[in-house]
Amino acid sequence: WDELVLRMRTCDGWQPTVGPIIQKSVTPMRSFVA
């Protein structure tokens, strides 16, 4: 949450609403065509 708010807070004060995290994971990024 600290990192999300740091990256997303705007100059007019908007930021994502913070709440309990119920799921989290890391997904690699790739492009693929067969």
Full PDB file with SEQRES, HELIX, SHEET, SSBOND, CRYST1, ORIGX, SCALE, CONECT and MASTER records, all heavy atoms in Angstrom:
SEQRES   1 A   34  TRP ASP GLU LEU VAL LEU ARG MET ARG THR CYS ASP GLY          
SEQRES   2 A   34  TRP GLN PRO THR VAL GLY PRO ILE ILE GLN LYS SER VAL          
SEQRES   3 A   34  THR PRO MET ARG SER PHE VAL ALA                              
HELIX    1 AA1 ASP A    2  MET A    8  1                                   7    
CRYST1    1.000    1.000    1.000  90.00  90.00  90.00 P 1           1          
ORIGX1      1.000000  0.000000  0.000000        0.00000                         
ORIGX2      0.000000  1.000000  0.000000        0.00000                         
ORIGX3      0.000000  0.000000  1.000000        0.00000                         
SCALE1      1.000000  0.000000  0.000000        0.00000                         
SCALE2      0.000000  1.000000  0.000000        0.00000                         
SCALE3      0.000000  0.000000  1.000000        0.00000                         
ATOM      1  N   TRP A   1       0.824  -1.212   0.000  1.00  0.00           N  
ATOM      2  CA  TRP A   1       0.000   0.000   0.000  1.00  0.00           C  
ATOM      3  C   TRP A   1       0.859   1.263   0.000  1.00  0.00           C  
ATOM      4  O   TRP A   1       0.536   2.244  -0.685  1.00  0.00           O  
ATOM      5  CB  TRP A   1      -0.951   0.001   1.192  1.00  0.00           C  
ATOM      6  CG  TRP A   1      -2.187  -0.799   0.966  1.00  0.00           C  
ATOM      7  CD1 TRP A   1      -2.630  -1.882   1.679  1.00  0.00           C  
ATOM      8  CD2 TRP A   1      -3.177  -0.574  -0.051  1.00  0.00           C  
ATOM      9  NE1 TRP A   1      -3.808  -2.356   1.168  1.00  0.00           N  
ATOM     10  CE2 TRP A   1      -4.176  -1.566   0.107  1.00  0.00           C  
ATOM     11  CE3 TRP A   1      -3.315   0.358  -1.081  1.00  0.00           C  
ATOM     12  CZ2 TRP A   1      -5.290  -1.640  -0.722  1.00  0.00           C  
ATOM     13  CZ3 TRP A   1      -4.425   0.282  -1.912  1.00  0.00           C  
ATOM     14  CH2 TRP A   1      -5.397  -0.710  -1.723  1.00  0.00           C  
ATOM     15  N   ASP A   2       1.952   1.241   0.758  1.00  0.00           N  
ATOM     16  CA  ASP A   2       2.839   2.411   0.764  1.00  0.00           C  
ATOM     17  C   ASP A   2       3.347   2.712  -0.645  1.00  0.00           C  
ATOM     18  O   ASP A   2       3.385   3.875  -1.077  1.00  0.00           O  
ATOM     19  CB  ASP A   2       4.028   2.167   1.693  1.00  0.00           C  
ATOM     20  CG  ASP A   2       3.660   2.237   3.167  1.00  0.00           C  
ATOM     21  OD1 ASP A   2       2.548   2.717   3.478  1.00  0.00           O  
ATOM     22  OD2 ASP A   2       4.477   1.804   4.002  1.00  0.00           O  
ATOM     23  N   GLU A   3       3.735   1.652  -1.370  1.00  0.00           N  
ATOM     24  CA  GLU A   3       4.271   1.846  -2.723  1.00  0.00           C  
ATOM     25  C   GLU A   3       3.175   2.282  -3.692  1.00  0.00           C  
ATOM     26  O   GLU A   3       3.401   3.145  -4.556  1.00  0.00           O  
ATOM     27  CB  GLU A   3       4.938   0.559  -3.205  1.00  0.00           C  
ATOM     28  CG  GLU A   3       5.737   0.707  -4.487  1.00  0.00           C  
ATOM     29  CD  GLU A   3       6.967   1.585  -4.330  1.00  0.00           C  
ATOM     30  OE1 GLU A   3       7.443   1.768  -3.190  1.00  0.00           O  
ATOM     31  OE2 GLU A   3       7.470   2.098  -5.356  1.00  0.00           O  
ATOM     32  N   LEU A   4       1.987   1.691  -3.572  1.00  0.00           N  
ATOM     33  CA  LEU A   4       0.880   2.086  -4.443  1.00  0.00           C  
ATOM     34  C   LEU A   4       0.523   3.559  -4.245  1.00  0.00           C  
ATOM     35  O   LEU A   4       0.362   4.302  -5.220  1.00  0.00           O  
ATOM     36  CB  LEU A   4      -0.344   1.201  -4.166  1.00  0.00           C  
ATOM     37  CG  LEU A   4      -0.334  -0.189  -4.790  1.00  0.00           C  
ATOM     38  CD1 LEU A   4      -1.422  -1.059  -4.173  1.00  0.00           C  
ATOM     39  CD2 LEU A   4      -0.522  -0.116  -6.304  1.00  0.00           C  
ATOM     40  N   VAL A   5       0.391   3.971  -3.014  1.00  0.00           N  
ATOM     41  CA  VAL A   5       0.037   5.362  -2.739  1.00  0.00           C  
ATOM     42  C   VAL A   5       1.145   6.297  -3.207  1.00  0.00           C  
ATOM     43  O   VAL A   5       0.886   7.357  -3.796  1.00  0.00           O  
ATOM     44  CB  VAL A   5      -0.248   5.556  -1.240  1.00  0.00           C  
ATOM     45  CG1 VAL A   5      -0.411   7.037  -0.909  1.00  0.00           C  
ATOM     46  CG2 VAL A   5      -1.513   4.788  -0.840  1.00  0.00           C  
ATOM     47  N   LEU A   6       2.400   5.911  -2.992  1.00  0.00           N  
ATOM     48  CA  LEU A   6       3.528   6.736  -3.428  1.00  0.00           C  
ATOM     49  C   LEU A   6       3.512   6.947  -4.932  1.00  0.00           C  
ATOM     50  O   LEU A   6       3.726   8.066  -5.422  1.00  0.00           O  
ATOM     51  CB  LEU A   6       4.838   6.077  -3.004  1.00  0.00           C  
ATOM     52  CG  LEU A   6       6.129   6.779  -3.450  1.00  0.00           C  
ATOM     53  CD1 LEU A   6       6.226   8.165  -2.820  1.00  0.00           C  
ATOM     54  CD2 LEU A   6       7.345   5.932  -3.089  1.00  0.00           C  
ATOM     55  N   ARG A   7       3.257   5.884  -5.681  1.00  0.00           N  
ATOM     56  CA  ARG A   7       3.284   5.989  -7.145  1.00  0.00           C  
ATOM     57  C   ARG A   7       2.032   6.652  -7.715  1.00  0.00           C  
ATOM     58  O   ARG A   7       2.089   7.268  -8.792  1.00  0.00           O  
ATOM     59  CB  ARG A   7       3.446   4.604  -7.777  1.00  0.00           C  
ATOM     60  CG  ARG A   7       4.766   3.925  -7.459  1.00  0.00           C  
ATOM     61  CD  ARG A   7       4.936   2.664  -8.296  1.00  0.00           C  
ATOM     62  NE  ARG A   7       6.025   1.822  -7.791  1.00  0.00           N  
ATOM     63  CZ  ARG A   7       6.422   0.691  -8.364  1.00  0.00           C  
ATOM     64  NH1 ARG A   7       5.832   0.271  -9.479  1.00  0.00           N  
ATOM     65  NH2 ARG A   7       7.400  -0.025  -7.830  1.00  0.00           N  
ATOM     66  N   MET A   8       0.877   6.529  -7.037  1.00  0.00           N  
ATOM     67  CA  MET A   8      -0.382   6.914  -7.652  1.00  0.00           C  
ATOM     68  C   MET A   8      -0.956   8.224  -7.136  1.00  0.00           C  
ATOM     69  O   MET A   8      -1.821   8.815  -7.789  1.00  0.00           O  
ATOM     70  CB  MET A   8      -1.420   5.801  -7.470  1.00  0.00           C  
ATOM     71  CG  MET A   8      -0.989   4.456  -8.053  1.00  0.00           C  
ATOM     72  SD  MET A   8      -2.346   3.303  -8.281  1.00  0.00           S  
ATOM     73  CE  MET A   8      -3.082   3.955  -9.777  1.00  0.00           C  
ATOM     74  N   ARG A   9      -0.520   8.718  -5.986  1.00  0.00           N  
ATOM     75  CA  ARG A   9      -1.096   9.958  -5.462  1.00  0.00           C  
ATOM     76  C   ARG A   9      -0.848  11.110  -6.436  1.00  0.00           C  
ATOM     77  O   ARG A   9       0.262  11.308  -6.918  1.00  0.00           O  
ATOM     78  CB  ARG A   9      -0.497  10.291  -4.099  1.00  0.00           C  
ATOM     79  CG  ARG A   9      -1.127  11.556  -3.486  1.00  0.00           C  
ATOM     80  CD  ARG A   9      -0.386  12.006  -2.239  1.00  0.00           C  
ATOM     81  NE  ARG A   9      -0.640  11.107  -1.120  1.00  0.00           N  
ATOM     82  CZ  ARG A   9       0.314  10.467  -0.440  1.00  0.00           C  
ATOM     83  NH1 ARG A   9       1.590  10.631  -0.788  1.00  0.00           N  
ATOM     84  NH2 ARG A   9       0.024   9.691   0.569  1.00  0.00           N  
ATOM     85  N   THR A  10      -1.888  11.887  -6.714  1.00  0.00           N  
ATOM     86  CA  THR A  10      -1.778  12.999  -7.656  1.00  0.00           C  
ATOM     87  C   THR A  10      -1.676  14.325  -6.906  1.00  0.00           C  
ATOM     88  O   THR A  10      -1.920  14.404  -5.697  1.00  0.00           O  
ATOM     89  CB  THR A  10      -2.981  13.042  -8.608  1.00  0.00           C  
ATOM     90  OG1 THR A  10      -4.175  13.215  -7.838  1.00  0.00           O  
ATOM     91  CG2 THR A  10      -3.089  11.757  -9.406  1.00  0.00           C  
ATOM     92  N   CYS A  11      -1.350  15.371  -7.648  1.00  0.00           N  
ATOM     93  CA  CYS A  11      -1.141  16.676  -7.028  1.00  0.00           C  
ATOM     94  C   CYS A  11      -2.422  17.254  -6.450  1.00  0.00           C  
ATOM     95  O   CYS A  11      -2.372  18.145  -5.585  1.00  0.00           O  
ATOM     96  CB  CYS A  11      -0.527  17.643  -8.034  1.00  0.00           C  
ATOM     97  SG  CYS A  11      -1.544  17.937  -9.494  1.00  0.00           S  
ATOM     98  N   ASP A  12      -3.598  16.786  -6.907  1.00  0.00           N  
ATOM     99  CA  ASP A  12      -4.858  17.280  -6.344  1.00  0.00           C  
ATOM    100  C   ASP A  12      -5.332  16.440  -5.169  1.00  0.00           C  
ATOM    101  O   ASP A  12      -6.441  16.626  -4.662  1.00  0.00           O  
ATOM    102  CB  ASP A  12      -5.942  17.349  -7.423  1.00  0.00           C  
ATOM    103  CG  ASP A  12      -6.290  15.984  -8.008  1.00  0.00           C  
ATOM    104  OD1 ASP A  12      -5.723  14.965  -7.552  1.00  0.00           O  
ATOM    105  OD2 ASP A  12      -7.128  15.928  -8.925  1.00  0.00           O  
ATOM    106  N   GLY A  13      -4.493  15.471  -4.731  1.00  0.00           N  
ATOM    107  CA  GLY A  13      -4.804  14.710  -3.532  1.00  0.00           C  
ATOM    108  C   GLY A  13      -5.454  13.366  -3.764  1.00  0.00           C  
ATOM    109  O   GLY A  13      -5.681  12.612  -2.814  1.00  0.00           O  
ATOM    110  N   TRP A  14      -5.754  12.999  -5.040  1.00  0.00           N  
ATOM    111  CA  TRP A  14      -6.373  11.693  -5.274  1.00  0.00           C  
ATOM    112  C   TRP A  14      -5.384  10.573  -4.979  1.00  0.00           C  
ATOM    113  O   TRP A  14      -4.186  10.688  -5.264  1.00  0.00           O  
ATOM    114  CB  TRP A  14      -6.834  11.549  -6.731  1.00  0.00           C  
ATOM    115  CG  TRP A  14      -7.461  10.197  -6.972  1.00  0.00           C  
ATOM    116  CD1 TRP A  14      -8.768   9.858  -6.810  1.00  0.00           C  
ATOM    117  CD2 TRP A  14      -6.799   9.001  -7.394  1.00  0.00           C  
ATOM    118  NE1 TRP A  14      -8.960   8.529  -7.098  1.00  0.00           N  
ATOM    119  CE2 TRP A  14      -7.774   7.972  -7.455  1.00  0.00           C  
ATOM    120  CE3 TRP A  14      -5.471   8.700  -7.708  1.00  0.00           C  
ATOM    121  CZ2 TRP A  14      -7.463   6.675  -7.836  1.00  0.00           C  
ATOM    122  CZ3 TRP A  14      -5.161   7.395  -8.080  1.00  0.00           C  
ATOM    123  CH2 TRP A  14      -6.137   6.390  -8.143  1.00  0.00           C  
ATOM    124  N   GLN A  15      -5.887   9.477  -4.430  1.00  0.00           N  
ATOM    125  CA  GLN A  15      -5.094   8.275  -4.236  1.00  0.00           C  
ATOM    126  C   GLN A  15      -6.053   7.097  -4.091  1.00  0.00           C  
ATOM    127  O   GLN A  15      -7.238   7.293  -3.800  1.00  0.00           O  
ATOM    128  CB  GLN A  15      -4.204   8.378  -3.003  1.00  0.00           C  
ATOM    129  CG  GLN A  15      -4.961   8.424  -1.683  1.00  0.00           C  
ATOM    130  CD  GLN A  15      -4.023   8.515  -0.499  1.00  0.00           C  
ATOM    131  OE1 GLN A  15      -3.106   9.335  -0.477  1.00  0.00           O  
ATOM    132  NE2 GLN A  15      -4.232   7.653   0.493  1.00  0.00           N  
ATOM    133  N   PRO A  16      -5.603   5.883  -4.328  1.00  0.00           N  
ATOM    134  CA  PRO A  16      -6.488   4.740  -4.172  1.00  0.00           C  
ATOM    135  C   PRO A  16      -6.908   4.553  -2.722  1.00  0.00           C  
ATOM    136  O   PRO A  16      -6.143   4.834  -1.790  1.00  0.00           O  
ATOM    137  CB  PRO A  16      -5.640   3.563  -4.666  1.00  0.00           C  
ATOM    138  CG  PRO A  16      -4.233   4.007  -4.501  1.00  0.00           C  
ATOM    139  CD  PRO A  16      -4.248   5.483  -4.760  1.00  0.00           C  
ATOM    140  N   THR A  17      -8.130   4.083  -2.521  1.00  0.00           N  
ATOM    141  CA  THR A  17      -8.619   3.772  -1.186  1.00  0.00           C  
ATOM    142  C   THR A  17      -7.888   2.549  -0.645  1.00  0.00           C  
ATOM    143  O   THR A  17      -7.757   1.537  -1.330  1.00  0.00           O  
ATOM    144  CB  THR A  17     -10.129   3.493  -1.216  1.00  0.00           C  
ATOM    145  OG1 THR A  17     -10.798   4.619  -1.791  1.00  0.00           O  
ATOM    146  CG2 THR A  17     -10.667   3.242   0.179  1.00  0.00           C  
ATOM    147  N   VAL A  18      -7.399   2.646   0.571  1.00  0.00           N  
ATOM    148  CA  VAL A  18      -6.651   1.562   1.203  1.00  0.00           C  
ATOM    149  C   VAL A  18      -7.604   0.652   1.970  1.00  0.00           C  
ATOM    150  O   VAL A  18      -8.547   1.124   2.615  1.00  0.00           O  
ATOM    151  CB  VAL A  18      -5.574   2.133   2.152  1.00  0.00           C  
ATOM    152  CG1 VAL A  18      -4.857   1.015   2.906  1.00  0.00           C  
ATOM    153  CG2 VAL A  18      -4.577   2.977   1.369  1.00  0.00           C  
ATOM    154  N   GLY A  19      -7.365  -0.663   1.895  1.00  0.00           N  
ATOM    155  CA  GLY A  19      -8.194  -1.621   2.616  1.00  0.00           C  
ATOM    156  C   GLY A  19      -7.480  -2.945   2.752  1.00  0.00           C  
ATOM    157  O   GLY A  19      -6.374  -3.130   2.212  1.00  0.00           O  
ATOM    158  N   PRO A  20      -8.075  -3.902   3.455  1.00  0.00           N  
ATOM    159  CA  PRO A  20      -7.449  -5.214   3.649  1.00  0.00           C  
ATOM    160  C   PRO A  20      -7.183  -5.911   2.311  1.00  0.00           C  
ATOM    161  O   PRO A  20      -8.047  -5.952   1.428  1.00  0.00           O  
ATOM    162  CB  PRO A  20      -8.487  -5.989   4.473  1.00  0.00           C  
ATOM    163  CG  PRO A  20      -9.321  -4.939   5.125  1.00  0.00           C  
ATOM    164  CD  PRO A  20      -9.369  -3.800   4.170  1.00  0.00           C  
ATOM    165  N   ILE A  21      -5.987  -6.470   2.147  1.00  0.00           N  
ATOM    166  CA  ILE A  21      -5.625  -7.214   0.938  1.00  0.00           C  
ATOM    167  C   ILE A  21      -6.067  -8.667   1.109  1.00  0.00           C  
ATOM    168  O   ILE A  21      -5.694  -9.335   2.081  1.00  0.00           O  
ATOM    169  CB  ILE A  21      -4.108  -7.124   0.677  1.00  0.00           C  
ATOM    170  CG1 ILE A  21      -3.709  -5.680   0.358  1.00  0.00           C  
ATOM    171  CG2 ILE A  21      -3.698  -8.052  -0.469  1.00  0.00           C  
ATOM    172  CD1 ILE A  21      -2.213  -5.465   0.205  1.00  0.00           C  
ATOM    173  N   ILE A  22      -6.873  -9.160   0.173  1.00  0.00           N  
ATOM    174  CA  ILE A  22      -7.395 -10.527   0.283  1.00  0.00           C  
ATOM    175  C   ILE A  22      -6.723 -11.490  -0.699  1.00  0.00           C  
ATOM    176  O   ILE A  22      -6.927 -12.697  -0.620  1.00  0.00           O  
ATOM    177  CB  ILE A  22      -8.921 -10.554   0.079  1.00  0.00           C  
ATOM    178  CG1 ILE A  22      -9.315  -9.941  -1.272  1.00  0.00           C  
ATOM    179  CG2 ILE A  22      -9.611  -9.817   1.207  1.00  0.00           C  
ATOM    180  CD1 ILE A  22     -10.815  -9.978  -1.557  1.00  0.00           C  
ATOM    181  N   GLN A  23      -5.919 -10.957  -1.608  1.00  0.00           N  
ATOM    182  CA  GLN A  23      -5.185 -11.819  -2.556  1.00  0.00           C  
ATOM    183  C   GLN A  23      -4.016 -11.029  -3.117  1.00  0.00           C  
ATOM    184  O   GLN A  23      -4.159  -9.828  -3.399  1.00  0.00           O  
ATOM    185  CB  GLN A  23      -6.102 -12.271  -3.695  1.00  0.00           C  
ATOM    186  CG  GLN A  23      -5.463 -13.221  -4.683  1.00  0.00           C  
ATOM    187  CD  GLN A  23      -6.386 -13.501  -5.857  1.00  0.00           C  
ATOM    188  OE1 GLN A  23      -6.374 -12.813  -6.871  1.00  0.00           O  
ATOM    189  NE2 GLN A  23      -7.235 -14.505  -5.698  1.00  0.00           N  
ATOM    190  N   LYS A  24      -2.858 -11.678  -3.273  1.00  0.00           N  
ATOM    191  CA  LYS A  24      -1.719 -11.009  -3.888  1.00  0.00           C  
ATOM    192  C   LYS A  24      -0.822 -12.030  -4.560  1.00  0.00           C  
ATOM    193  O   LYS A  24      -0.681 -13.157  -4.096  1.00  0.00           O  
ATOM    194  CB  LYS A  24      -0.932 -10.189  -2.860  1.00  0.00           C  
ATOM    195  CG  LYS A  24      -0.385 -10.971  -1.666  1.00  0.00           C  
ATOM    196  CD  LYS A  24       0.318 -10.028  -0.688  1.00  0.00           C  
ATOM    197  CE  LYS A  24       0.824 -10.763   0.552  1.00  0.00           C  
ATOM    198  NZ  LYS A  24       1.506  -9.841   1.507  1.00  0.00           N  
ATOM    199  N   SER A  25      -0.217 -11.624  -5.688  1.00  0.00           N  
ATOM    200  CA  SER A  25       0.650 -12.517  -6.444  1.00  0.00           C  
ATOM    201  C   SER A  25       1.493 -11.687  -7.397  1.00  0.00           C  
ATOM    202  O   SER A  25       1.202 -10.513  -7.647  1.00  0.00           O  
ATOM    203  CB  SER A  25      -0.161 -13.548  -7.236  1.00  0.00           C  
ATOM    204  OG  SER A  25      -0.999 -12.902  -8.183  1.00  0.00           O  
ATOM    205  N   VAL A  26       2.552 -12.296  -7.954  1.00  0.00           N  
ATOM    206  CA  VAL A  26       3.400 -11.664  -8.965  1.00  0.00           C  
ATOM    207  C   VAL A  26       3.270 -12.440 -10.268  1.00  0.00           C  
ATOM    208  O   VAL A  26       3.419 -13.670 -10.289  1.00  0.00           O  
ATOM    209  CB  VAL A  26       4.873 -11.616  -8.525  1.00  0.00           C  
ATOM    210  CG1 VAL A  26       5.753 -11.079  -9.654  1.00  0.00           C  
ATOM    211  CG2 VAL A  26       5.034 -10.758  -7.274  1.00  0.00           C  
ATOM    212  N   THR A  27       2.981 -11.741 -11.350  1.00  0.00           N  
ATOM    213  CA  THR A  27       2.811 -12.359 -12.668  1.00  0.00           C  
ATOM    214  C   THR A  27       3.856 -11.806 -13.629  1.00  0.00           C  
ATOM    215  O   THR A  27       3.902 -10.592 -13.857  1.00  0.00           O  
ATOM    216  CB  THR A  27       1.410 -12.060 -13.232  1.00  0.00           C  
ATOM    217  OG1 THR A  27       0.415 -12.544 -12.318  1.00  0.00           O  
ATOM    218  CG2 THR A  27       1.230 -12.713 -14.592  1.00  0.00           C  
ATOM    219  N   PRO A  28       4.726 -12.661 -14.200  1.00  0.00           N  
ATOM    220  CA  PRO A  28       5.681 -12.191 -15.216  1.00  0.00           C  
ATOM    221  C   PRO A  28       4.946 -11.675 -16.448  1.00  0.00           C  
ATOM    222  O   PRO A  28       3.821 -12.099 -16.736  1.00  0.00           O  
ATOM    223  CB  PRO A  28       6.514 -13.438 -15.529  1.00  0.00           C  
ATOM    224  CG  PRO A  28       6.285 -14.368 -14.383  1.00  0.00           C  
ATOM    225  CD  PRO A  28       4.890 -14.092 -13.908  1.00  0.00           C  
ATOM    226  N   MET A  29       5.584 -10.796 -17.191  1.00  0.00           N  
ATOM    227  CA  MET A  29       4.988 -10.214 -18.394  1.00  0.00           C  
ATOM    228  C   MET A  29       5.641 -10.805 -19.625  1.00  0.00           C  
ATOM    229  O   MET A  29       6.878 -10.886 -19.704  1.00  0.00           O  
ATOM    230  CB  MET A  29       5.195  -8.699 -18.393  1.00  0.00           C  
ATOM    231  CG  MET A  29       4.601  -7.994 -17.196  1.00  0.00           C  
ATOM    232  SD  MET A  29       2.846  -7.690 -17.403  1.00  0.00           S  
ATOM    233  CE  MET A  29       2.901  -6.254 -18.458  1.00  0.00           C  
ATOM    234  N   ARG A  30       4.814 -11.206 -20.604  1.00  0.00           N  
ATOM    235  CA  ARG A  30       5.378 -11.759 -21.829  1.00  0.00           C  
ATOM    236  C   ARG A  30       4.399 -11.585 -22.980  1.00  0.00           C  
ATOM    237  O   ARG A  30       3.205 -11.395 -22.790  1.00  0.00           O  
ATOM    238  CB  ARG A  30       5.711 -13.245 -21.663  1.00  0.00           C  
ATOM    239  CG  ARG A  30       4.507 -14.155 -21.525  1.00  0.00           C  
ATOM    240  CD  ARG A  30       4.954 -15.601 -21.363  1.00  0.00           C  
ATOM    241  NE  ARG A  30       3.845 -16.532 -21.329  1.00  0.00           N  
ATOM    242  CZ  ARG A  30       3.142 -16.828 -20.240  1.00  0.00           C  
ATOM    243  NH1 ARG A  30       3.413 -16.231 -19.100  1.00  0.00           N  
ATOM    244  NH2 ARG A  30       2.142 -17.697 -20.291  1.00  0.00           N  
ATOM    245  N   SER A  31       4.960 -11.654 -24.191  1.00  0.00           N  
ATOM    246  CA  SER A  31       4.179 -11.724 -25.428  1.00  0.00           C  
ATOM    247  C   SER A  31       4.468 -13.076 -26.069  1.00  0.00           C  
ATOM    248  O   SER A  31       5.619 -13.533 -26.061  1.00  0.00           O  
ATOM    249  CB  SER A  31       4.570 -10.596 -26.384  1.00  0.00           C  
ATOM    250  OG  SER A  31       4.346  -9.336 -25.807  1.00  0.00           O  
ATOM    251  N   PHE A  32       3.436 -13.703 -26.643  1.00  0.00           N  
ATOM    252  CA  PHE A  32       3.587 -15.055 -27.194  1.00  0.00           C  
ATOM    253  C   PHE A  32       2.606 -15.237 -28.343  1.00  0.00           C  
ATOM    254  O   PHE A  32       1.439 -14.851 -28.241  1.00  0.00           O  
ATOM    255  CB  PHE A  32       3.299 -16.083 -26.087  1.00  0.00           C  
ATOM    256  CG  PHE A  32       3.250 -17.511 -26.558  1.00  0.00           C  
ATOM    257  CD1 PHE A  32       4.398 -18.289 -26.571  1.00  0.00           C  
ATOM    258  CD2 PHE A  32       2.060 -18.080 -26.982  1.00  0.00           C  
ATOM    259  CE1 PHE A  32       4.357 -19.610 -27.005  1.00  0.00           C  
ATOM    260  CE2 PHE A  32       2.002 -19.396 -27.412  1.00  0.00           C  
ATOM    261  CZ  PHE A  32       3.159 -20.158 -27.421  1.00  0.00           C  
ATOM    262  N   VAL A  33       3.103 -15.819 -29.442  1.00  0.00           N  
ATOM    263  CA  VAL A  33       2.236 -16.157 -30.577  1.00  0.00           C  
ATOM    264  C   VAL A  33       2.686 -17.489 -31.147  1.00  0.00           C  
ATOM    265  O   VAL A  33       3.884 -17.700 -31.398  1.00  0.00           O  
ATOM    266  CB  VAL A  33       2.284 -15.087 -31.692  1.00  0.00           C  
ATOM    267  CG1 VAL A  33       1.385 -15.512 -32.867  1.00  0.00           C  
ATOM    268  CG2 VAL A  33       1.852 -13.727 -31.164  1.00  0.00           C  
ATOM    269  N   ALA A  34       1.741 -18.396 -31.343  1.00  0.00           N  
ATOM    270  CA  ALA A  34       1.986 -19.669 -32.021  1.00  0.00           C  
ATOM    271  C   ALA A  34       1.258 -19.636 -33.363  1.00  0.00           C  
ATOM    272  O   ALA A  34       0.058 -19.351 -33.422  1.00  0.00           O  
ATOM    273  CB  ALA A  34       1.487 -20.844 -31.186  1.00  0.00           C  
TER     274      ALA A  34                                                      
MASTER        0    0    0    1    0    0    0    6  273    1    0    3          
END                                                                             
